Amino acid sequence: MIGLARSMSGVQSGVSIGPDKKVDEFAIHIHGDSALVVGRVTTRYQFMEYQRVGPPPAQSQDPVAIDQERFIRVYSKVGTRWQLISWQTTAIPKR
């Protein structure tokens, strides 16, 4: 349990995992030798001109796009180590 918590401590504190990604709503649920890690990832990015399709956006539009996903990871304790068993990521629809 302590090893899993330590390995995930950077994510749990909300630290950025890349220049444009942030994890929040993070939680670890320990159930005996199994653990669930859940959270939300927010990705901010900006398309380059060569990636655009159609006419350029109006000047008033924010050039930064934001995507959000929820994730769940399932770990099992094997000996003294936590092993990833399964994971799922689901996109959060834009409003």
C-alpha atoms as a PDB file:
ATOM      1  CA  MET A   1       0.000   0.000   0.000  1.00  0.00           C
ATOM      2  CA  ILE A   2       2.747   2.453   0.889  1.00  0.00           C
ATOM      3  CA  GLY A   3       4.659   1.672  -2.321  1.00  0.00           C
ATOM      4  CA  LEU A   4       1.614   2.367  -4.501  1.00  0.00           C
ATOM      5  CA  ALA A   5       0.855   5.575  -2.628  1.00  0.00           C
ATOM      6  CA  ARG A   6       4.463   6.738  -2.986  1.00  0.00           C
ATOM      7  CA  SER A   7       4.575   5.960  -6.703  1.00  0.00           C
ATOM      8  CA  MET A   8       1.364   7.914  -7.263  1.00  0.00           C
ATOM      9  CA  SER A   9       2.152  10.773  -4.847  1.00  0.00           C
ATOM     10  CA  GLY A  10       3.236  13.174  -7.602  1.00  0.00           C
ATOM     11  CA  VAL A  11      -0.036  12.656  -9.424  1.00  0.00           C
ATOM     12  CA  GLN A  12      -2.065  12.844  -6.212  1.00  0.00           C
ATOM     13  CA  SER A  13      -0.684  16.284  -5.406  1.00  0.00           C
ATOM     14  CA  GLY A  14      -1.974  17.588  -8.747  1.00  0.00           C
ATOM     15  CA  VAL A  15       1.463  18.023 -10.290  1.00  0.00           C
ATOM     16  CA  SER A  16       1.569  18.483 -14.042  1.00  0.00           C
ATOM     17  CA  ILE A  17       2.473  15.278 -15.925  1.00  0.00           C
ATOM     18  CA  GLY A  18       3.436  17.163 -19.049  1.00  0.00           C
ATOM     19  CA  PRO A  19       3.448  20.692 -20.367  1.00  0.00           C
ATOM     20  CA  ASP A  20      -0.262  20.461 -21.245  1.00  0.00           C
ATOM     21  CA  LYS A  21      -1.723  17.731 -18.991  1.00  0.00           C
ATOM     22  CA  LYS A  22      -2.999  17.869 -15.418  1.00  0.00           C
ATOM     23  CA  VAL A  23      -4.503  15.171 -13.213  1.00  0.00           C
ATOM     24  CA  ASP A  24      -7.118  16.042 -10.586  1.00  0.00           C
ATOM     25  CA  GLU A  25     -10.026  14.417  -8.735  1.00  0.00           C
ATOM     26  CA  PHE A  26      -7.436  11.742  -7.935  1.00  0.00           C
ATOM     27  CA  ALA A  27      -8.042   8.960  -5.405  1.00  0.00           C
ATOM     28  CA  ILE A  28      -6.543   5.598  -4.430  1.00  0.00           C
ATOM     29  CA  HIS A  29      -8.887   2.959  -2.989  1.00  0.00           C
ATOM     30  CA  ILE A  30      -7.145  -0.035  -1.383  1.00  0.00           C
ATOM     31  CA  HIS A  31      -9.110  -3.289  -0.979  1.00  0.00           C
ATOM     32  CA  GLY A  32      -6.797  -5.945   0.487  1.00  0.00           C
ATOM     33  CA  ASP A  33      -4.336  -6.899  -2.256  1.00  0.00           C
ATOM     34  CA  SER A  34      -6.230  -4.883  -4.886  1.00  0.00           C
ATOM     35  CA  ALA A  35      -6.252  -1.154  -5.525  1.00  0.00           C
ATOM     36  CA  LEU A  36      -8.304   1.175  -7.695  1.00  0.00           C
ATOM     37  CA  VAL A  37      -6.773   4.438  -8.880  1.00  0.00           C
ATOM     38  CA  VAL A  38      -9.293   6.913 -10.293  1.00  0.00           C
ATOM     39  CA  GLY A  39      -9.059  10.469 -11.539  1.00  0.00           C
ATOM     40  CA  ARG A  40      -9.563  12.988 -14.290  1.00  0.00           C
ATOM     41  CA  VAL A  41      -7.028  14.184 -16.879  1.00  0.00           C
ATOM     42  CA  THR A  42      -7.368  17.624 -18.467  1.00  0.00           C
ATOM     43  CA  THR A  43      -5.367  18.203 -21.656  1.00  0.00           C
ATOM     44  CA  ARG A  44      -4.875  21.688 -23.085  1.00  0.00           C
ATOM     45  CA  TYR A  45      -3.473  22.023 -26.586  1.00  0.00           C
ATOM     46  CA  GLN A  46      -3.369  24.374 -29.524  1.00  0.00           C
ATOM     47  CA  PHE A  47      -3.620  23.343 -33.163  1.00  0.00           C
ATOM     48  CA  MET A  48      -0.950  24.605 -35.515  1.00  0.00           C
ATOM     49  CA  GLU A  49      -2.009  26.223 -38.785  1.00  0.00           C
ATOM     50  CA  TYR A  50      -1.084  23.134 -40.825  1.00  0.00           C
ATOM     51  CA  GLN A  51      -3.434  21.009 -38.658  1.00  0.00           C
ATOM     52  CA  ARG A  52      -6.546  23.084 -39.336  1.00  0.00           C
ATOM     53  CA  VAL A  53      -9.298  22.004 -41.667  1.00  0.00           C
ATOM     54  CA  GLY A  54     -11.448  24.659 -43.298  1.00  0.00           C
ATOM     55  CA  PRO A  55     -11.272  28.408 -42.825  1.00  0.00           C
ATOM     56  CA  PRO A  56      -9.280  29.854 -39.923  1.00  0.00           C
ATOM     57  CA  PRO A  57     -11.253  30.526 -36.736  1.00  0.00           C
ATOM     58  CA  ALA A  58     -12.529  34.007 -35.921  1.00  0.00           C
ATOM     59  CA  GLN A  59     -10.109  36.215 -34.001  1.00  0.00           C
ATOM     60  CA  SER A  60     -12.322  36.158 -30.911  1.00  0.00           C
ATOM     61  CA  GLN A  61     -12.113  32.381 -30.496  1.00  0.00           C
ATOM     62  CA  ASP A  62      -9.742  30.930 -27.925  1.00  0.00           C
ATOM     63  CA  PRO A  63      -7.039  29.024 -29.861  1.00  0.00           C
ATOM     64  CA  VAL A  64      -6.587  26.557 -26.991  1.00  0.00           C
ATOM     65  CA  ALA A  65      -8.675  23.364 -26.995  1.00  0.00           C
ATOM     66  CA  ILE A  66      -9.403  21.445 -23.811  1.00  0.00           C
ATOM     67  CA  ASP A  67     -10.154  17.726 -23.595  1.00  0.00           C
ATOM     68  CA  GLN A  68     -11.048  15.884 -20.399  1.00  0.00           C
ATOM     69  CA  GLU A  69     -11.037  12.163 -19.607  1.00  0.00           C
ATOM     70  CA  ARG A  70     -11.832  10.052 -16.572  1.00  0.00           C
ATOM     71  CA  PHE A  71      -9.644   7.052 -15.847  1.00  0.00           C
ATOM     72  CA  ILE A  72      -9.646   4.000 -13.625  1.00  0.00           C
ATOM     73  CA  ARG A  73      -6.686   1.667 -13.110  1.00  0.00           C
ATOM     74  CA  VAL A  74      -6.833  -1.648 -11.291  1.00  0.00           C
ATOM     75  CA  TYR A  75      -3.720  -2.920  -9.512  1.00  0.00           C
ATOM     76  CA  SER A  76      -3.009  -6.203  -7.760  1.00  0.00           C
ATOM     77  CA  LYS A  77      -0.294  -6.725  -5.170  1.00  0.00           C
ATOM     78  CA  VAL A  78       2.058  -9.479  -6.329  1.00  0.00           C
ATOM     79  CA  GLY A  79       4.630 -10.187  -3.634  1.00  0.00           C
ATOM     80  CA  THR A  80       5.813  -6.758  -2.553  1.00  0.00           C
ATOM     81  CA  ARG A  81       5.028  -4.944  -5.816  1.00  0.00           C
ATOM     82  CA  TRP A  82       1.852  -3.488  -7.316  1.00  0.00           C
ATOM     83  CA  GLN A  83       1.097  -4.753 -10.830  1.00  0.00           C
ATOM     84  CA  LEU A  84      -1.266  -2.997 -13.245  1.00  0.00           C
ATOM     85  CA  ILE A  85      -4.048  -5.415 -14.174  1.00  0.00           C
ATOM     86  CA  SER A  86      -6.475  -3.284 -16.171  1.00  0.00           C
ATOM     87  CA  TRP A  87      -7.274   0.310 -17.070  1.00  0.00           C
ATOM     88  CA  GLN A  88      -9.970   2.276 -18.831  1.00  0.00           C
ATOM     89  CA  THR A  89     -10.150   5.854 -20.028  1.00  0.00           C
ATOM     90  CA  THR A  90     -13.413   7.531 -21.012  1.00  0.00           C
ATOM     91  CA  ALA A  91     -13.730  10.933 -22.691  1.00  0.00           C
ATOM     92  CA  ILE A  92     -15.875  13.525 -20.926  1.00  0.00           C
ATOM     93  CA  PRO A  93     -18.207  15.094 -23.528  1.00  0.00           C
ATOM     94  CA  LYS A  94     -17.675  18.798 -24.221  1.00  0.00           C
ATOM     95  CA  ARG A  95     -20.525  21.104 -23.250  1.00  0.00           C
END
